[in-house]
Amino acid sequence: MTVEMHPVYSSHITALGHDAGAGELHVQWDSGRTSVFGPGIDAATADRIRKSRSVGQAVTKDVKGKFGHRYLE
């Protein structure tokens, strides 16, 4: 399944996507790599992060270290 990515304004993140079925947040970095965080991230949290004034700070505060992490190949 392909996750729909939404462009964001951030110095290091280019787009975010949420896989509701898996509870995963997809974070595309300016390097071109995509991180997948989860499971356990709900749609409301993903939406709040995407609309945050600082997307990078929101990812750091609400996701990093709190959920599993892997890179897409």
C-alpha atoms as a PDB file:
ATOM      1  CA  MET A   1       0.000   0.000   0.000  1.00  0.00           C
ATOM      2  CA  THR A   2       1.268   3.469  -0.879  1.00  0.00           C
ATOM      3  CA  VAL A   3       0.922   6.199   1.706  1.00  0.00           C
ATOM      4  CA  GLU A   4      -0.223   9.578   0.417  1.00  0.00           C
ATOM      5  CA  MET A   5       2.455  12.130   1.260  1.00  0.00           C
ATOM      6  CA  HIS A   6       1.636  15.787   1.970  1.00  0.00           C
ATOM      7  CA  PRO A   7       4.272  18.493   1.408  1.00  0.00           C
ATOM      8  CA  VAL A   8       5.209  20.496   4.508  1.00  0.00           C
ATOM      9  CA  TYR A   9       7.226  23.629   5.140  1.00  0.00           C
ATOM     10  CA  SER A  10      10.274  22.588   7.135  1.00  0.00           C
ATOM     11  CA  SER A  11      14.028  22.963   6.896  1.00  0.00           C
ATOM     12  CA  HIS A  12      14.660  19.188   6.987  1.00  0.00           C
ATOM     13  CA  ILE A  13      11.318  17.497   6.283  1.00  0.00           C
ATOM     14  CA  THR A  14       9.753  17.666   2.827  1.00  0.00           C
ATOM     15  CA  ALA A  15       6.546  15.648   3.336  1.00  0.00           C
ATOM     16  CA  LEU A  16       4.494  13.656   5.831  1.00  0.00           C
ATOM     17  CA  GLY A  17       2.052  10.815   5.365  1.00  0.00           C
ATOM     18  CA  HIS A  18      -0.078   8.719   7.698  1.00  0.00           C
ATOM     19  CA  ASP A  19      -0.988   5.060   7.297  1.00  0.00           C
ATOM     20  CA  ALA A  20      -4.124   4.811   9.438  1.00  0.00           C
ATOM     21  CA  GLY A  21      -4.368   1.032   9.123  1.00  0.00           C
ATOM     22  CA  ALA A  22      -0.850   0.493  10.432  1.00  0.00           C
ATOM     23  CA  GLY A  23      -0.794   3.534  12.742  1.00  0.00           C
ATOM     24  CA  GLU A  24       2.419   4.756  11.131  1.00  0.00           C
ATOM     25  CA  LEU A  25       3.736   8.219  10.349  1.00  0.00           C
ATOM     26  CA  HIS A  26       5.921   8.492   7.238  1.00  0.00           C
ATOM     27  CA  VAL A  27       8.455  11.331   7.303  1.00  0.00           C
ATOM     28  CA  GLN A  28      10.303  12.204   4.099  1.00  0.00           C
ATOM     29  CA  TRP A  29      13.558  14.019   4.827  1.00  0.00           C
ATOM     30  CA  ASP A  30      15.328  16.529   2.604  1.00  0.00           C
ATOM     31  CA  SER A  31      17.964  13.821   1.995  1.00  0.00           C
ATOM     32  CA  GLY A  32      15.299  11.823   0.135  1.00  0.00           C
ATOM     33  CA  ARG A  33      15.097   9.069   2.765  1.00  0.00           C
ATOM     34  CA  THR A  34      11.776   8.236   4.385  1.00  0.00           C
ATOM     35  CA  SER A  35      11.417   7.278   8.048  1.00  0.00           C
ATOM     36  CA  VAL A  36       8.466   5.268   9.268  1.00  0.00           C
ATOM     37  CA  PHE A  37       7.464   5.743  12.907  1.00  0.00           C
ATOM     38  CA  GLY A  38       4.917   3.586  14.695  1.00  0.00           C
ATOM     39  CA  PRO A  39       2.739   1.698  15.199  1.00  0.00           C
ATOM     40  CA  GLY A  40       0.390   3.588  17.467  1.00  0.00           C
ATOM     41  CA  ILE A  41       0.238   7.002  15.805  1.00  0.00           C
ATOM     42  CA  ASP A  42      -3.364   8.055  15.312  1.00  0.00           C
ATOM     43  CA  ALA A  43      -4.731  10.327  12.592  1.00  0.00           C
ATOM     44  CA  ALA A  44      -5.260  13.250  14.990  1.00  0.00           C
ATOM     45  CA  THR A  45      -1.602  13.193  16.055  1.00  0.00           C
ATOM     46  CA  ALA A  46      -0.383  12.950  12.458  1.00  0.00           C
ATOM     47  CA  ASP A  47      -2.634  15.842  11.435  1.00  0.00           C
ATOM     48  CA  ARG A  48      -1.497  17.987  14.369  1.00  0.00           C
ATOM     49  CA  ILE A  49       2.156  17.390  13.452  1.00  0.00           C
ATOM     50  CA  ARG A  50       1.525  18.180   9.767  1.00  0.00           C
ATOM     51  CA  LYS A  51      -0.186  21.476  10.671  1.00  0.00           C
ATOM     52  CA  SER A  52       2.329  22.406  13.348  1.00  0.00           C
ATOM     53  CA  ARG A  53       4.182  25.701  13.075  1.00  0.00           C
ATOM     54  CA  SER A  54       7.423  23.718  13.392  1.00  0.00           C
ATOM     55  CA  VAL A  55       6.987  20.272  11.881  1.00  0.00           C
ATOM     56  CA  GLY A  56      10.503  19.195  12.850  1.00  0.00           C
ATOM     57  CA  GLN A  57      10.028  20.160  16.491  1.00  0.00           C
ATOM     58  CA  ALA A  58       6.664  18.378  16.581  1.00  0.00           C
ATOM     59  CA  VAL A  59       8.197  15.174  15.178  1.00  0.00           C
ATOM     60  CA  THR A  60      11.003  15.391  17.739  1.00  0.00           C
ATOM     61  CA  LYS A  61       8.639  16.096  20.655  1.00  0.00           C
ATOM     62  CA  ASP A  62       5.746  13.778  19.810  1.00  0.00           C
ATOM     63  CA  VAL A  63       7.280  10.893  17.855  1.00  0.00           C
ATOM     64  CA  LYS A  64      11.046  10.360  18.133  1.00  0.00           C
ATOM     65  CA  GLY A  65      11.936   7.976  20.942  1.00  0.00           C
ATOM     66  CA  LYS A  66       8.266   7.226  21.661  1.00  0.00           C
ATOM     67  CA  PHE A  67       7.513   4.952  18.712  1.00  0.00           C
ATOM     68  CA  GLY A  68       9.398   2.381  16.693  1.00  0.00           C
ATOM     69  CA  HIS A  69      11.476   3.620  13.764  1.00  0.00           C
ATOM     70  CA  ARG A  70      12.672   2.191  10.473  1.00  0.00           C
ATOM     71  CA  TYR A  71      13.727   3.552   7.093  1.00  0.00           C
ATOM     72  CA  LEU A  72      11.953   2.610   3.885  1.00  0.00           C
ATOM     73  CA  GLU A  73      14.286   0.945   1.430  1.00  0.00           C
END
